[in-house]
Structures are given as structure tokens and as C-alpha cells.
Amino acid sequence: MGQVMKLANGSIETILNERDFEDILDKYLGSEAADYWHEHFEDYDEAISKAEDYEDKCLRVEELEREKAELEDRITDLENKLEELQHENG
């Protein structure tokens, strides 16, 4: 669903996507303004993607740390069981 905007000059514009907004900027402010906005939007979009990638990596690290702790616990349990068996068998 698009967004309807009333501009300062009283005209009504519907924005369905990024390109529509760029076209409005170009139409009312010129191509330099549209290019400026597009460039900064791409930077913003890239920063969001990097932040999401970082968050995914952090979650993966946390998951791996939990798995490591579980494996270490299992190793400790097995070492204790081996020690018990060694004592039983003299």
C-alpha cells in the first residue's frame, strides 16, 4: 500500500516505492536533490544490512558458545564416568 503525501505546493502525490519518491524529488527539487537522496538512502540501506549481518553473526557466536559449553559438560561427565570405572576396576 502506498503513502499519499500533500506537498507544500498543495499537490497530492502517491508514493508506492523508493523510485516514486525519487521522481517527486526530481520533479520538484531537481535531479541533484534526487541523486543526493538516492546516494544517502543507499548508504543508509547498506548500514542497515551490515547491522543485520553483524546481529546474525553475534547470534551465531552465542549459539556456538552454548554448544561449546554443552560439549565441555559432556566431556566432563565422560571423564568422571571413566574415572569411576577405573576405580571400580582397580
Protein backbone atom coordinates (compact mmCIF):
# COMPACT_ATOMS: atom_id res chain seq x y z
CA MET A 1 0.00 0.00 0.00
CA GLY A 2 1.32 3.38 -0.95
CA GLN A 3 1.57 6.56 1.03
CA VAL A 4 -0.25 9.69 -0.05
CA MET A 5 1.56 12.99 0.55
CA LYS A 6 0.32 16.53 0.27
CA LEU A 7 3.24 18.67 -0.83
CA ALA A 8 3.89 22.29 0.14
CA ASN A 9 2.54 23.47 -3.22
CA GLY A 10 -0.77 21.74 -2.48
CA SER A 11 -0.33 18.89 -4.96
CA ILE A 12 -1.03 15.34 -3.88
CA GLU A 13 1.44 12.56 -4.70
CA THR A 14 1.25 8.83 -4.04
CA ILE A 15 4.46 7.03 -3.19
CA LEU A 16 4.45 3.30 -3.80
CA ASN A 17 8.21 2.73 -3.67
CA GLU A 18 11.60 4.40 -3.40
CA ARG A 19 11.63 5.27 -7.09
CA ASP A 20 8.35 7.20 -6.79
CA PHE A 21 9.88 9.35 -4.06
CA GLU A 22 12.98 9.97 -6.15
CA ASP A 23 10.75 11.00 -9.07
CA ILE A 24 8.95 13.52 -6.83
CA LEU A 25 12.26 14.91 -5.63
CA ASP A 26 13.46 15.17 -9.22
CA LYS A 27 10.21 16.79 -10.35
CA TYR A 28 10.05 19.43 -7.61
CA LEU A 29 13.67 19.87 -6.47
CA GLY A 30 15.73 18.74 -9.43
CA SER A 31 17.94 15.81 -10.27
CA GLU A 32 20.74 16.82 -7.89
CA ALA A 33 18.37 16.58 -4.93
CA ALA A 34 17.10 13.20 -6.15
CA ASP A 35 20.65 11.95 -6.65
CA TYR A 36 21.66 13.22 -3.22
CA TRP A 37 18.74 11.45 -1.55
CA HIS A 38 19.34 8.25 -3.52
CA GLU A 39 23.02 8.20 -2.57
CA HIS A 40 22.24 8.67 1.11
CA PHE A 41 19.39 6.17 1.01
CA GLU A 42 21.79 3.57 -0.41
CA ASP A 43 24.29 4.36 2.38
CA TYR A 44 21.53 4.01 4.96
CA ASP A 45 20.31 0.76 3.40
CA GLU A 46 23.86 -0.61 3.35
CA ALA A 47 24.36 0.34 7.01
CA ILE A 48 21.17 -1.49 7.95
CA SER A 49 22.29 -4.59 6.04
CA LYS A 50 25.67 -4.53 7.78
CA ALA A 51 24.00 -4.14 11.17
CA GLU A 52 21.69 -7.07 10.44
CA ASP A 53 24.65 -9.20 9.32
CA TYR A 54 26.51 -8.26 12.50
CA GLU A 55 23.48 -9.16 14.62
CA ASP A 56 23.19 -12.53 12.85
CA LYS A 57 26.88 -13.22 13.47
CA CYS A 58 26.53 -12.29 17.14
CA LEU A 59 23.59 -14.65 17.49
CA ARG A 60 25.61 -17.40 15.81
CA VAL A 61 28.53 -16.79 18.17
CA GLU A 62 26.17 -17.05 21.15
CA GLU A 63 24.78 -20.29 19.75
CA LEU A 64 28.27 -21.70 19.24
CA GLU A 65 29.27 -20.68 22.76
CA ARG A 66 26.25 -22.57 24.16
CA GLU A 67 27.12 -25.62 22.07
CA LYS A 68 30.73 -25.43 23.26
CA ALA A 69 29.62 -25.26 26.90
CA GLU A 70 27.33 -28.26 26.38
CA LEU A 71 30.18 -30.23 24.79
CA GLU A 72 32.52 -29.30 27.61
CA ASP A 73 29.92 -30.51 30.11
CA ARG A 74 29.59 -33.80 28.22
CA ILE A 75 33.37 -34.22 28.21
CA THR A 76 33.50 -33.59 31.96
CA ASP A 77 30.71 -36.14 32.51
CA LEU A 78 32.55 -38.71 30.39
CA GLU A 79 35.83 -38.06 32.19
CA ASN A 80 34.08 -38.52 35.53
CA LYS A 81 32.46 -41.74 34.32
CA LEU A 82 35.85 -43.02 33.09
CA GLU A 83 37.41 -42.19 36.45
CA GLU A 84 34.62 -44.08 38.23
CA LEU A 85 35.12 -47.12 36.01
CA GLN A 86 38.86 -47.04 36.57
CA HIS A 87 38.33 -47.02 40.35
CA GLU A 88 35.85 -49.87 40.12
CA ASN A 89 38.25 -51.97 38.08
CA GLY A 90 41.24 -51.10 40.23
